[in-house]
Structures are given as structure tokens and as C-alpha cells.
Amino acid sequence: MVDLKMSESIHVAVAPDELYALVSDVTRMGQWSPICKACWWDEGDGPRVGAWFTGRNETPERTWETRSQVVAAEPARIFAWEVNDGWVHWAYSFEPDGDGTRLTESWEFLPKGIAGFHERYGAEAEAQIEQRSEAARTGIPATLAAIKKAAEA
């Protein structure tokens, strides 16, 4: 069975409020993520609960866009969104940690997403879900390292 939920943390030598301001600017995600190459807010929106944004993802096999809605936006505490109206949940949490912040990135493939993948991909659904899980497993530490590098620069 593939892992449908994972998270990883990293220490960043930046205060939680400053790091939150950086990470909650989804327009910067393309600078850090190995798959998400660009994000943009719906016109006039920003990092608040209920806000919508589009993300463009790229792998060697394909390019696709997703629609996401912010579901948590508590400065210096948590910033989270759901992809495709509840298919996948992504979150960043911020905890004071000595001279900086313990930044945790979390990913969860939700039941609605599992059902949606089975509807969309049929017999290939499990393989597609496994690909997404592997992308999160390798992408989370890469993204966290890139955020750390940018924040501490």
C-alpha cells in the first residue's frame, strides 16, 4: 500500500512571521518545488482563507494545472490549501525553534482524491496515485531545502 500522508521538517534561521510571509506567497513556489513550476492568485487575491490560486506542474511526462483553495492562513502558525476541491491537502506549519523556525511541510492524498483518481484513470489509478505519492516523498525535502536556502540568503 502506498503512503497517502507524509511530512518532513527543517530548521530555518528566520523568525516564524518572516518565514510565513515568504512561504504564503504562492507565486514563489515555482522557485522551490521540483514539480510545481508556477502559481498565481486569482485576480486581487492573496494568502487568506477562501482565496483561490492556480498552479502549473511539470514532469518529464506531462504538464498540467491545478486549482487550489486556501483552507488555513494563520500568520506565523500555518498556511494550507486543498487541491481540486478536496483531492489533496498541502500545509506548511511554523513553530519557533531557537534562533529560527521549525518549518514542516505536509501532504495528504484525501479520500475524495482517491475516488477522483479512480474515476479519472480507471485501471491506472493506483499507479497514478503511487506516482503522486513518490513525487511528494522526494519533493517535500527538496522544497524545504530550497525554501531554507532562499529564506536564509
Protein backbone atom coordinates (compact mmCIF):
# COMPACT_ATOMS: atom_id res chain seq x y z
CA MET A 1 0.00 0.00 0.00
CA VAL A 2 1.32 3.40 -0.97
CA ASP A 3 1.75 6.10 1.71
CA LEU A 4 -1.03 8.69 1.31
CA LYS A 5 0.19 11.05 4.03
CA MET A 6 3.65 12.37 4.80
CA SER A 7 5.51 15.31 6.27
CA GLU A 8 9.02 16.47 6.92
CA SER A 9 10.55 19.36 8.86
CA ILE A 10 13.62 21.56 8.62
CA HIS A 11 15.13 24.29 10.80
CA VAL A 12 15.24 27.70 9.12
CA ALA A 13 17.20 30.53 10.75
CA VAL A 14 14.40 33.05 10.19
CA ALA A 15 11.61 34.15 12.54
CA PRO A 16 8.22 32.42 12.03
CA ASP A 17 6.42 35.60 10.91
CA GLU A 18 9.08 36.39 8.30
CA LEU A 19 9.13 32.79 7.04
CA TYR A 20 5.33 32.68 6.89
CA ALA A 21 5.31 35.81 4.69
CA LEU A 22 7.73 34.11 2.30
CA VAL A 23 6.01 30.70 2.14
CA SER A 24 2.43 32.01 1.96
CA ASP A 25 3.34 33.88 -1.24
CA VAL A 26 2.39 31.02 -3.56
CA THR A 27 3.73 32.97 -6.55
CA ARG A 28 7.21 31.96 -5.32
CA MET A 29 6.51 28.19 -5.17
CA GLY A 30 7.95 27.68 -8.65
CA GLN A 31 11.35 28.79 -7.30
CA TRP A 32 11.40 25.95 -4.76
CA SER A 33 9.35 22.96 -5.87
CA PRO A 34 10.77 20.33 -8.23
CA ILE A 35 7.34 19.83 -9.87
CA CYS A 36 5.25 22.97 -9.28
CA LYS A 37 6.81 25.45 -11.69
CA ALA A 38 4.45 28.42 -11.21
CA CYS A 39 1.47 29.59 -9.13
CA TRP A 40 -0.69 32.64 -9.44
CA TRP A 41 -3.52 34.04 -7.37
CA ASP A 42 -6.93 34.69 -8.82
CA GLU A 43 -7.08 38.39 -9.63
CA GLY A 44 -6.87 40.50 -6.49
CA ASP A 45 -6.49 37.53 -4.14
CA GLY A 46 -3.75 36.62 -1.70
CA PRO A 47 -2.92 34.41 1.27
CA ARG A 48 -6.26 34.31 3.09
CA VAL A 49 -8.73 31.52 3.84
CA GLY A 50 -11.03 31.09 0.85
CA ALA A 51 -8.57 32.51 -1.69
CA TRP A 52 -8.05 30.57 -4.93
CA PHE A 53 -4.92 30.10 -7.00
CA THR A 54 -3.75 28.09 -9.99
CA GLY A 55 -0.59 26.02 -10.08
CA ARG A 56 1.30 24.73 -13.12
CA ASN A 57 3.10 21.43 -12.62
CA GLU A 58 5.66 19.81 -14.89
CA THR A 59 7.24 16.38 -15.04
CA PRO A 60 9.16 14.85 -17.95
CA GLU A 61 5.93 13.04 -18.92
CA ARG A 62 3.43 15.88 -18.79
CA THR A 63 2.39 19.41 -17.80
CA TRP A 64 -0.87 20.19 -16.01
CA GLU A 65 -2.59 22.88 -13.98
CA THR A 66 -4.46 22.59 -10.70
CA ARG A 67 -6.90 24.80 -8.86
CA SER A 68 -6.34 25.23 -5.14
CA GLN A 69 -8.13 26.99 -2.31
CA VAL A 70 -6.50 28.24 0.88
CA VAL A 71 -8.03 26.44 3.89
CA ALA A 72 -5.78 27.79 6.68
CA ALA A 73 -3.89 31.08 6.90
CA GLU A 74 -2.70 31.92 10.40
CA PRO A 75 0.40 34.14 10.19
CA ALA A 76 3.49 32.57 11.78
CA ARG A 77 1.49 29.35 12.50
CA ILE A 78 0.02 27.55 9.46
CA PHE A 79 -0.64 28.03 5.77
CA ALA A 80 -2.56 25.29 3.94
CA TRP A 81 -4.57 24.63 0.80
CA GLU A 82 -6.58 21.91 -0.87
CA VAL A 83 -6.09 20.97 -4.50
CA ASN A 84 -9.01 20.26 -6.82
CA ASP A 85 -11.70 20.98 -4.21
CA GLY A 86 -10.53 18.47 -1.62
CA TRP A 87 -8.41 15.91 -3.50
CA VAL A 88 -5.07 16.69 -1.86
CA HIS A 89 -4.15 18.73 1.24
CA TRP A 90 -0.84 20.62 1.47
CA ALA A 91 0.26 22.52 4.57
CA TYR A 92 3.20 24.42 5.99
CA SER A 93 3.39 24.85 9.75
CA PHE A 94 5.72 27.23 11.56
CA GLU A 95 7.00 26.65 15.12
CA PRO A 96 9.50 28.85 16.95
CA ASP A 97 12.75 26.88 17.23
CA GLY A 98 15.70 28.51 18.96
CA ASP A 99 17.06 31.22 16.66
CA GLY A 100 14.51 30.49 13.95
CA THR A 101 11.63 28.30 12.88
CA ARG A 102 10.87 24.63 12.54
CA LEU A 103 9.14 24.56 9.15
CA THR A 104 7.05 21.46 8.43
CA GLU A 105 5.63 20.64 5.03
CA SER A 106 2.76 18.12 4.99
CA TRP A 107 0.94 16.34 2.19
CA GLU A 108 -2.13 14.12 2.29
CA PHE A 109 -4.00 12.42 -0.55
CA LEU A 110 -7.62 12.70 0.62
CA PRO A 111 -10.44 10.14 0.10
CA LYS A 112 -12.14 12.43 -2.43
CA GLY A 113 -8.90 12.46 -4.43
CA ILE A 114 -8.57 8.68 -4.32
CA ALA A 115 -12.13 8.36 -5.65
CA GLY A 116 -11.46 11.05 -8.25
CA PHE A 117 -8.31 9.29 -9.47
CA HIS A 118 -10.20 6.01 -9.82
CA GLU A 119 -12.87 7.79 -11.84
CA ARG A 120 -10.34 9.65 -14.00
CA TYR A 121 -7.70 6.94 -14.52
CA GLY A 122 -9.61 3.67 -14.11
CA ALA A 123 -7.24 0.69 -14.06
CA GLU A 124 -4.25 3.07 -13.98
CA ALA A 125 -5.46 4.88 -10.83
CA GLU A 126 -3.24 3.03 -8.35
CA ALA A 127 -0.14 3.61 -10.49
CA GLN A 128 -1.04 7.31 -10.81
CA ILE A 129 -1.58 7.60 -7.05
CA GLU A 130 1.76 5.90 -6.43
CA GLN A 131 3.47 8.39 -8.77
CA ARG A 132 1.97 11.34 -6.85
CA SER A 133 3.00 9.81 -3.53
CA GLU A 134 6.57 9.29 -4.73
CA ALA A 135 6.67 12.87 -6.04
CA ALA A 136 5.65 14.14 -2.60
CA ARG A 137 8.14 11.83 -0.84
CA THR A 138 11.06 13.21 -2.86
CA GLY A 139 9.68 16.70 -3.46
CA ILE A 140 8.98 17.69 0.13
CA PRO A 141 12.62 17.57 1.32
CA ALA A 142 13.80 19.25 -1.90
CA THR A 143 11.24 22.04 -1.48
CA LEU A 144 12.07 22.55 2.19
CA ALA A 145 15.79 22.78 1.40
CA ALA A 146 15.12 25.35 -1.34
CA ILE A 147 12.88 27.43 0.97
CA LYS A 148 15.59 27.33 3.66
CA LYS A 149 18.23 28.48 1.18
CA ALA A 150 16.05 31.36 -0.09
CA ALA A 151 14.95 32.45 3.38
CA GLU A 152 18.45 32.45 4.87
CA ALA A 153 20.07 34.22 1.89
